[in-house]
Amino acid sequence: MKKTALLVTAAAALLATSAVAQEKIAPGANVSVVFDQKLPNVPDKSMRVVLVEYAPGAGSVSHRHPQSAFIYARVLEGAIRSKVNDGPERVYQVGESWTEKPGDHHQVSHNASDTEPAKLLAIFVVDTNDHKIVIPDK
């Protein structure tokens, strides 16, 4: 429980001070970059942290992330329905997390509720030159 409280506190602090970009990726779905910093000990790599907010019933289209991206995602509020690659579709509750490896296909990412909002925090380790976070399927 202490880890969850610490993560939520850190996310709130980041949101209060450093939101640098916001993108509407689908109706009712917003992605805000809340932290973007080059890694001092890994040339050409950055840590980029994004807050994904889904209105009730909203979600994003099937997508990928930059080929260089390793992602750790954690649900901060509500519940998120997710499916990566050929894995099973799953609902993640507050405090639960998953990872995505470079090249993974995020086929489902939706708010699991039609009545309550949902939020997740995603931490990317990515090539510094990769600026587009969500790459929709064509």
N, C-alpha and C. Protein backbone atom coordinates (compact mmCIF):
# COMPACT_ATOMS: atom_id res chain seq x y z
N MET A 1 0.81 -1.19 0.00
CA MET A 1 0.00 0.00 0.00
C MET A 1 0.86 1.25 0.00
N LYS A 2 2.00 1.21 0.68
CA LYS A 2 2.89 2.37 0.72
C LYS A 2 3.42 2.70 -0.66
N LYS A 3 3.73 1.68 -1.48
CA LYS A 3 4.23 1.91 -2.83
C LYS A 3 3.18 2.62 -3.67
N THR A 4 1.92 2.19 -3.56
CA THR A 4 0.84 2.81 -4.32
C THR A 4 0.67 4.26 -3.91
N ALA A 5 0.67 4.53 -2.61
CA ALA A 5 0.52 5.90 -2.13
C ALA A 5 1.67 6.76 -2.61
N LEU A 6 2.89 6.23 -2.60
CA LEU A 6 4.05 6.97 -3.06
C LEU A 6 3.94 7.27 -4.55
N LEU A 7 3.53 6.28 -5.35
CA LEU A 7 3.38 6.48 -6.78
C LEU A 7 2.31 7.53 -7.08
N VAL A 8 1.18 7.45 -6.41
CA VAL A 8 0.11 8.42 -6.63
C VAL A 8 0.56 9.82 -6.22
N THR A 9 1.28 9.92 -5.11
CA THR A 9 1.79 11.22 -4.67
C THR A 9 2.78 11.78 -5.68
N ALA A 10 3.67 10.93 -6.18
CA ALA A 10 4.65 11.38 -7.18
C ALA A 10 3.94 11.81 -8.45
N ALA A 11 2.93 11.05 -8.87
CA ALA A 11 2.19 11.42 -10.08
C ALA A 11 1.48 12.76 -9.89
N ALA A 12 0.87 12.97 -8.74
CA ALA A 12 0.19 14.24 -8.47
C ALA A 12 1.17 15.40 -8.49
N ALA A 13 2.35 15.20 -7.93
CA ALA A 13 3.37 16.26 -7.94
C ALA A 13 3.81 16.57 -9.37
N LEU A 14 4.00 15.53 -10.16
CA LEU A 14 4.38 15.75 -11.56
C LEU A 14 3.30 16.51 -12.31
N LEU A 15 2.05 16.12 -12.09
CA LEU A 15 0.95 16.76 -12.78
C LEU A 15 0.81 18.22 -12.39
N ALA A 16 1.05 18.51 -11.14
CA ALA A 16 0.89 19.88 -10.66
C ALA A 16 1.96 20.81 -11.20
N THR A 17 3.11 20.27 -11.58
CA THR A 17 4.22 21.15 -11.92
C THR A 17 4.77 21.03 -13.33
N SER A 18 4.51 19.93 -14.03
CA SER A 18 5.30 19.76 -15.24
C SER A 18 4.57 19.20 -16.45
N ALA A 19 3.29 19.37 -16.58
CA ALA A 19 2.61 18.90 -17.78
C ALA A 19 3.13 19.70 -18.97
N VAL A 20 3.70 18.99 -19.97
CA VAL A 20 4.30 19.69 -21.10
C VAL A 20 3.51 19.55 -22.39
N ALA A 21 2.71 18.54 -22.52
CA ALA A 21 1.95 18.35 -23.75
C ALA A 21 0.74 17.48 -23.47
N GLN A 22 -0.34 17.78 -24.17
CA GLN A 22 -1.54 16.97 -24.02
C GLN A 22 -2.05 16.65 -25.42
N GLU A 23 -2.48 15.42 -25.61
CA GLU A 23 -2.99 14.98 -26.90
C GLU A 23 -4.28 14.20 -26.69
N LYS A 24 -5.32 14.56 -27.44
CA LYS A 24 -6.57 13.80 -27.43
C LYS A 24 -6.39 12.69 -28.46
N ILE A 25 -6.36 11.44 -28.01
CA ILE A 25 -6.09 10.33 -28.92
C ILE A 25 -7.37 9.66 -29.44
N ALA A 26 -8.49 9.95 -28.80
CA ALA A 26 -9.80 9.43 -29.20
C ALA A 26 -10.82 10.21 -28.38
N PRO A 27 -12.09 10.19 -28.76
CA PRO A 27 -13.09 10.89 -27.95
C PRO A 27 -13.08 10.37 -26.50
N GLY A 28 -12.90 11.28 -25.55
CA GLY A 28 -12.89 10.90 -24.14
C GLY A 28 -11.58 10.32 -23.66
N ALA A 29 -10.54 10.36 -24.51
CA ALA A 29 -9.24 9.79 -24.15
C ALA A 29 -8.15 10.84 -24.34
N ASN A 30 -7.46 11.18 -23.25
CA ASN A 30 -6.39 12.17 -23.30
C ASN A 30 -5.09 11.58 -22.80
N VAL A 31 -3.99 11.97 -23.44
CA VAL A 31 -2.66 11.59 -23.01
C VAL A 31 -1.88 12.87 -22.74
N SER A 32 -1.35 13.01 -21.53
CA SER A 32 -0.55 14.17 -21.15
C SER A 32 0.85 13.72 -20.79
N VAL A 33 1.84 14.33 -21.42
CA VAL A 33 3.23 14.08 -21.03
C VAL A 33 3.48 14.91 -19.77
N VAL A 34 3.79 14.24 -18.67
CA VAL A 34 3.97 14.93 -17.39
C VAL A 34 5.43 14.99 -16.97
N PHE A 35 6.30 14.25 -17.67
CA PHE A 35 7.72 14.28 -17.36
C PHE A 35 8.47 13.81 -18.60
N ASP A 36 9.55 14.50 -18.95
CA ASP A 36 10.35 14.11 -20.10
C ASP A 36 11.79 14.52 -19.80
N GLN A 37 12.66 13.54 -19.60
CA GLN A 37 14.03 13.83 -19.19
C GLN A 37 15.00 12.85 -19.85
N LYS A 38 16.09 13.37 -20.43
CA LYS A 38 17.13 12.50 -20.96
C LYS A 38 17.76 11.74 -19.80
N LEU A 39 18.11 10.48 -20.04
CA LEU A 39 18.79 9.69 -19.02
C LEU A 39 20.27 10.04 -19.05
N PRO A 40 20.81 10.52 -17.94
CA PRO A 40 22.21 10.98 -17.95
C PRO A 40 23.22 9.86 -18.13
N ASN A 41 22.86 8.64 -17.82
CA ASN A 41 23.80 7.52 -17.90
C ASN A 41 23.54 6.57 -19.06
N VAL A 42 22.58 6.92 -19.94
CA VAL A 42 22.27 6.08 -21.10
C VAL A 42 22.14 7.01 -22.32
N PRO A 43 23.19 7.08 -23.13
CA PRO A 43 23.15 8.00 -24.27
C PRO A 43 21.94 7.77 -25.18
N ASP A 44 21.32 8.86 -25.62
CA ASP A 44 20.22 8.87 -26.58
C ASP A 44 18.92 8.24 -26.07
N LYS A 45 18.82 8.02 -24.76
CA LYS A 45 17.59 7.48 -24.17
C LYS A 45 16.99 8.51 -23.22
N SER A 46 15.66 8.47 -23.12
CA SER A 46 14.92 9.36 -22.22
C SER A 46 13.91 8.58 -21.42
N MET A 47 13.51 9.15 -20.29
CA MET A 47 12.36 8.65 -19.54
C MET A 47 11.24 9.64 -19.81
N ARG A 48 10.14 9.13 -20.30
CA ARG A 48 8.97 9.95 -20.60
C ARG A 48 7.81 9.35 -19.83
N VAL A 49 7.14 10.16 -19.04
CA VAL A 49 6.02 9.69 -18.22
C VAL A 49 4.75 10.34 -18.74
N VAL A 50 3.73 9.53 -18.97
CA VAL A 50 2.47 10.06 -19.48
C VAL A 50 1.31 9.64 -18.58
N LEU A 51 0.35 10.53 -18.47
CA LEU A 51 -0.90 10.25 -17.78
C LEU A 51 -1.95 10.02 -18.85
N VAL A 52 -2.60 8.87 -18.80
CA VAL A 52 -3.68 8.54 -19.74
C VAL A 52 -4.98 8.62 -18.96
N GLU A 53 -5.90 9.45 -19.45
CA GLU A 53 -7.20 9.65 -18.79
C GLU A 53 -8.31 9.23 -19.74
N TYR A 54 -9.16 8.33 -19.26
CA TYR A 54 -10.30 7.85 -20.03
C TYR A 54 -11.60 8.26 -19.34
N ALA A 55 -12.47 8.92 -20.07
CA ALA A 55 -13.82 9.19 -19.59
C ALA A 55 -14.57 7.86 -19.49
N PRO A 56 -15.69 7.82 -18.79
CA PRO A 56 -16.46 6.58 -18.73
C PRO A 56 -16.73 6.02 -20.13
N GLY A 57 -16.43 4.74 -20.31
CA GLY A 57 -16.68 4.06 -21.58
C GLY A 57 -15.69 4.38 -22.69
N ALA A 58 -14.74 5.28 -22.47
CA ALA A 58 -13.81 5.69 -23.52
C ALA A 58 -12.59 4.78 -23.56
N GLY A 59 -11.86 4.89 -24.65
CA GLY A 59 -10.62 4.13 -24.80
C GLY A 59 -9.85 4.63 -25.99
N SER A 60 -8.75 4.00 -26.26
CA SER A 60 -7.94 4.37 -27.42
C SER A 60 -8.03 3.27 -28.47
N VAL A 61 -7.70 3.65 -29.69
CA VAL A 61 -7.72 2.68 -30.79
C VAL A 61 -6.54 1.73 -30.63
N SER A 62 -6.62 0.61 -31.30
CA SER A 62 -5.51 -0.33 -31.32
C SER A 62 -4.26 0.40 -31.81
N HIS A 63 -3.14 0.19 -31.10
CA HIS A 63 -1.95 1.00 -31.41
C HIS A 63 -0.67 0.29 -31.00
N ARG A 64 0.42 0.93 -31.38
CA ARG A 64 1.75 0.53 -30.95
C ARG A 64 2.40 1.77 -30.35
N HIS A 65 3.56 1.57 -29.79
CA HIS A 65 4.37 2.67 -29.28
C HIS A 65 5.67 2.66 -30.06
N PRO A 66 6.52 3.67 -29.89
CA PRO A 66 7.78 3.67 -30.64
C PRO A 66 8.53 2.34 -30.48
N GLN A 67 9.22 1.92 -31.53
CA GLN A 67 9.95 0.64 -31.52
C GLN A 67 10.99 0.57 -30.40
N SER A 68 11.42 1.72 -29.92
CA SER A 68 12.45 1.74 -28.87
C SER A 68 11.86 1.68 -27.46
N ALA A 69 10.54 1.75 -27.34
CA ALA A 69 9.90 1.96 -26.03
C ALA A 69 9.77 0.69 -25.19
N PHE A 70 10.24 0.77 -23.96
CA PHE A 70 9.91 -0.19 -22.91
C PHE A 70 9.01 0.57 -21.95
N ILE A 71 7.86 -0.01 -21.58
CA ILE A 71 6.82 0.72 -20.85
C ILE A 71 6.41 -0.04 -19.60
N TYR A 72 6.26 0.71 -18.52
CA TYR A 72 5.67 0.21 -17.29
C TYR A 72 4.40 1.05 -17.08
N ALA A 73 3.24 0.41 -16.98
CA ALA A 73 1.97 1.12 -16.80
C ALA A 73 1.31 0.67 -15.51
N ARG A 74 0.69 1.64 -14.80
CA ARG A 74 0.04 1.35 -13.52
C ARG A 74 -1.28 2.12 -13.44
N VAL A 75 -2.33 1.46 -13.03
CA VAL A 75 -3.65 2.07 -12.92
C VAL A 75 -3.69 2.92 -11.65
N LEU A 76 -4.07 4.20 -11.83
CA LEU A 76 -4.16 5.14 -10.70
C LEU A 76 -5.59 5.32 -10.22
N GLU A 77 -6.54 5.19 -11.13
CA GLU A 77 -7.96 5.43 -10.79
C GLU A 77 -8.84 4.57 -11.68
N GLY A 78 -9.89 4.01 -11.13
CA GLY A 78 -10.82 3.20 -11.91
C GLY A 78 -10.24 1.85 -12.29
N ALA A 79 -10.60 1.39 -13.47
CA ALA A 79 -10.14 0.10 -13.98
C ALA A 79 -9.91 0.21 -15.48
N ILE A 80 -8.87 -0.46 -15.97
CA ILE A 80 -8.48 -0.40 -17.37
C ILE A 80 -8.56 -1.80 -17.97
N ARG A 81 -9.27 -1.91 -19.10
CA ARG A 81 -9.33 -3.16 -19.86
C ARG A 81 -8.21 -3.10 -20.89
N SER A 82 -7.35 -4.11 -20.92
CA SER A 82 -6.16 -4.07 -21.76
C SER A 82 -5.88 -5.43 -22.39
N LYS A 83 -5.30 -5.37 -23.59
CA LYS A 83 -4.84 -6.58 -24.27
C LYS A 83 -3.58 -6.21 -25.05
N VAL A 84 -2.50 -6.92 -24.78
CA VAL A 84 -1.24 -6.69 -25.47
C VAL A 84 -0.85 -7.96 -26.23
N ASN A 85 -0.54 -7.79 -27.51
CA ASN A 85 -0.17 -8.91 -28.39
C ASN A 85 -1.25 -9.98 -28.38
N ASP A 86 -0.84 -11.24 -28.26
CA ASP A 86 -1.80 -12.35 -28.27
C ASP A 86 -2.21 -12.79 -26.87
N GLY A 87 -1.83 -11.98 -25.87
CA GLY A 87 -2.21 -12.29 -24.50
C GLY A 87 -3.70 -12.13 -24.30
N PRO A 88 -4.22 -12.61 -23.18
CA PRO A 88 -5.65 -12.48 -22.91
C PRO A 88 -6.03 -11.03 -22.60
N GLU A 89 -7.25 -10.67 -22.92
CA GLU A 89 -7.77 -9.37 -22.49
C GLU A 89 -7.97 -9.44 -20.98
N ARG A 90 -7.59 -8.37 -20.30
CA ARG A 90 -7.63 -8.39 -18.84
C ARG A 90 -8.06 -7.03 -18.31
N VAL A 91 -8.70 -7.02 -17.15
CA VAL A 91 -9.06 -5.77 -16.48
C VAL A 91 -8.08 -5.57 -15.32
N TYR A 92 -7.41 -4.42 -15.33
CA TYR A 92 -6.47 -4.03 -14.28
C TYR A 92 -7.15 -3.03 -13.36
N GLN A 93 -7.07 -3.26 -12.06
CA GLN A 93 -7.66 -2.40 -11.04
C GLN A 93 -6.61 -1.43 -10.50
N VAL A 94 -7.06 -0.47 -9.70
CA VAL A 94 -6.15 0.50 -9.08
C VAL A 94 -4.99 -0.24 -8.40
N GLY A 95 -3.77 0.21 -8.69
CA GLY A 95 -2.58 -0.38 -8.09
C GLY A 95 -1.97 -1.52 -8.89
N GLU A 96 -2.69 -2.06 -9.86
CA GLU A 96 -2.14 -3.14 -10.68
C GLU A 96 -1.37 -2.53 -11.86
N SER A 97 -0.43 -3.33 -12.38
CA SER A 97 0.44 -2.82 -13.44
C SER A 97 0.76 -3.89 -14.47
N TRP A 98 1.34 -3.46 -15.58
CA TRP A 98 1.83 -4.35 -16.62
C TRP A 98 2.99 -3.67 -17.33
N THR A 99 3.69 -4.43 -18.16
CA THR A 99 4.77 -3.87 -18.97
C THR A 99 4.50 -4.16 -20.44
N GLU A 100 5.10 -3.33 -21.28
CA GLU A 100 5.07 -3.55 -22.72
C GLU A 100 6.50 -3.44 -23.22
N LYS A 101 6.89 -4.40 -24.05
CA LYS A 101 8.24 -4.44 -24.60
C LYS A 101 8.28 -3.74 -25.96
N PRO A 102 9.46 -3.36 -26.42
CA PRO A 102 9.56 -2.75 -27.75
C PRO A 102 8.89 -3.62 -28.81
N GLY A 103 8.06 -2.97 -29.62
CA GLY A 103 7.37 -3.67 -30.71
C GLY A 103 6.04 -4.29 -30.33
N ASP A 104 5.67 -4.29 -29.06
CA ASP A 104 4.39 -4.88 -28.65
C ASP A 104 3.22 -4.14 -29.30
N HIS A 105 2.14 -4.89 -29.50
CA HIS A 105 0.91 -4.36 -30.11
C HIS A 105 -0.16 -4.24 -29.02
N HIS A 106 -0.54 -3.01 -28.68
CA HIS A 106 -1.55 -2.77 -27.65
C HIS A 106 -2.91 -2.74 -28.35
N GLN A 107 -3.56 -3.89 -28.39
CA GLN A 107 -4.78 -4.05 -29.17
C GLN A 107 -6.01 -3.47 -28.48
N VAL A 108 -6.04 -3.51 -27.14
CA VAL A 108 -7.18 -2.98 -26.39
C VAL A 108 -6.65 -2.14 -25.24
N SER A 109 -7.19 -0.92 -25.11
CA SER A 109 -6.92 -0.07 -23.96
C SER A 109 -8.15 0.80 -23.76
N HIS A 110 -8.98 0.41 -22.80
CA HIS A 110 -10.26 1.09 -22.57
C HIS A 110 -10.56 1.18 -21.08
N ASN A 111 -11.34 2.17 -20.74
CA ASN A 111 -11.92 2.25 -19.41
C ASN A 111 -12.86 1.06 -19.27
N ALA A 112 -12.73 0.33 -18.21
CA ALA A 112 -13.58 -0.85 -17.99
C ALA A 112 -14.98 -0.48 -17.50
N SER A 113 -15.18 0.80 -17.16
CA SER A 113 -16.47 1.25 -16.62
C SER A 113 -17.16 2.22 -17.59
N ASP A 114 -18.46 2.10 -17.65
CA ASP A 114 -19.27 3.05 -18.43
C ASP A 114 -19.78 4.20 -17.57
N THR A 115 -19.43 4.21 -16.27
CA THR A 115 -19.96 5.24 -15.38
C THR A 115 -18.89 6.02 -14.62
N GLU A 116 -17.67 5.48 -14.49
CA GLU A 116 -16.60 6.12 -13.72
C GLU A 116 -15.39 6.38 -14.60
N PRO A 117 -14.66 7.47 -14.38
CA PRO A 117 -13.43 7.72 -15.15
C PRO A 117 -12.32 6.77 -14.72
N ALA A 118 -11.28 6.70 -15.55
CA ALA A 118 -10.11 5.86 -15.24
C ALA A 118 -8.85 6.61 -15.65
N LYS A 119 -7.76 6.34 -14.90
CA LYS A 119 -6.47 6.95 -15.21
C LYS A 119 -5.37 5.91 -15.04
N LEU A 120 -4.36 6.02 -15.89
CA LEU A 120 -3.17 5.20 -15.73
C LEU A 120 -1.95 6.07 -15.96
N LEU A 121 -0.86 5.69 -15.33
CA LEU A 121 0.42 6.36 -15.50
C LEU A 121 1.31 5.37 -16.24
N ALA A 122 1.91 5.83 -17.35
CA ALA A 122 2.81 4.99 -18.14
C ALA A 122 4.19 5.62 -18.16
N ILE A 123 5.19 4.82 -17.80
CA ILE A 123 6.57 5.28 -17.77
C ILE A 123 7.30 4.62 -18.92
N PHE A 124 7.80 5.44 -19.84
CA PHE A 124 8.50 4.98 -21.03
C PHE A 124 10.00 5.17 -20.86
N VAL A 125 10.79 4.17 -21.23
CA VAL A 125 12.20 4.36 -21.52
C VAL A 125 12.26 4.24 -23.04
N VAL A 126 12.69 5.32 -23.70
CA VAL A 126 12.51 5.43 -25.14
C VAL A 126 13.68 6.21 -25.75
N ASP A 127 13.92 5.99 -27.04
CA ASP A 127 14.91 6.81 -27.73
C ASP A 127 14.50 8.28 -27.60
N THR A 128 15.43 9.13 -27.28
CA THR A 128 15.15 10.56 -27.09
C THR A 128 14.47 11.17 -28.31
N ASN A 129 14.81 10.72 -29.50
CA ASN A 129 14.24 11.29 -30.73
C ASN A 129 12.85 10.76 -31.06
N ASP A 130 12.36 9.76 -30.34
CA ASP A 130 11.00 9.26 -30.56
C ASP A 130 10.02 10.11 -29.77
N HIS A 131 9.30 10.99 -30.45
CA HIS A 131 8.41 11.92 -29.74
C HIS A 131 6.95 11.50 -29.78
N LYS A 132 6.54 10.74 -30.79
CA LYS A 132 5.14 10.31 -30.88
C LYS A 132 4.97 9.08 -29.99
N ILE A 133 4.11 9.21 -28.98
CA ILE A 133 3.93 8.16 -27.97
C ILE A 133 2.97 7.06 -28.44
N VAL A 134 1.86 7.47 -29.06
CA VAL A 134 0.83 6.52 -29.51
C VAL A 134 0.81 6.53 -31.03
N ILE A 135 1.00 5.35 -31.61
CA ILE A 135 1.00 5.21 -33.07
C ILE A 135 -0.18 4.31 -33.45
N PRO A 136 -1.32 4.91 -33.85
CA PRO A 136 -2.51 4.12 -34.17
C PRO A 136 -2.27 3.14 -35.32
N ASP A 137 -2.95 1.99 -35.28
CA ASP A 137 -2.89 1.05 -36.39
C ASP A 137 -3.48 1.72 -37.63
N LYS A 138 -2.99 1.30 -38.76
CA LYS A 138 -3.51 1.89 -40.01
C LYS A 138 -4.51 0.98 -40.65
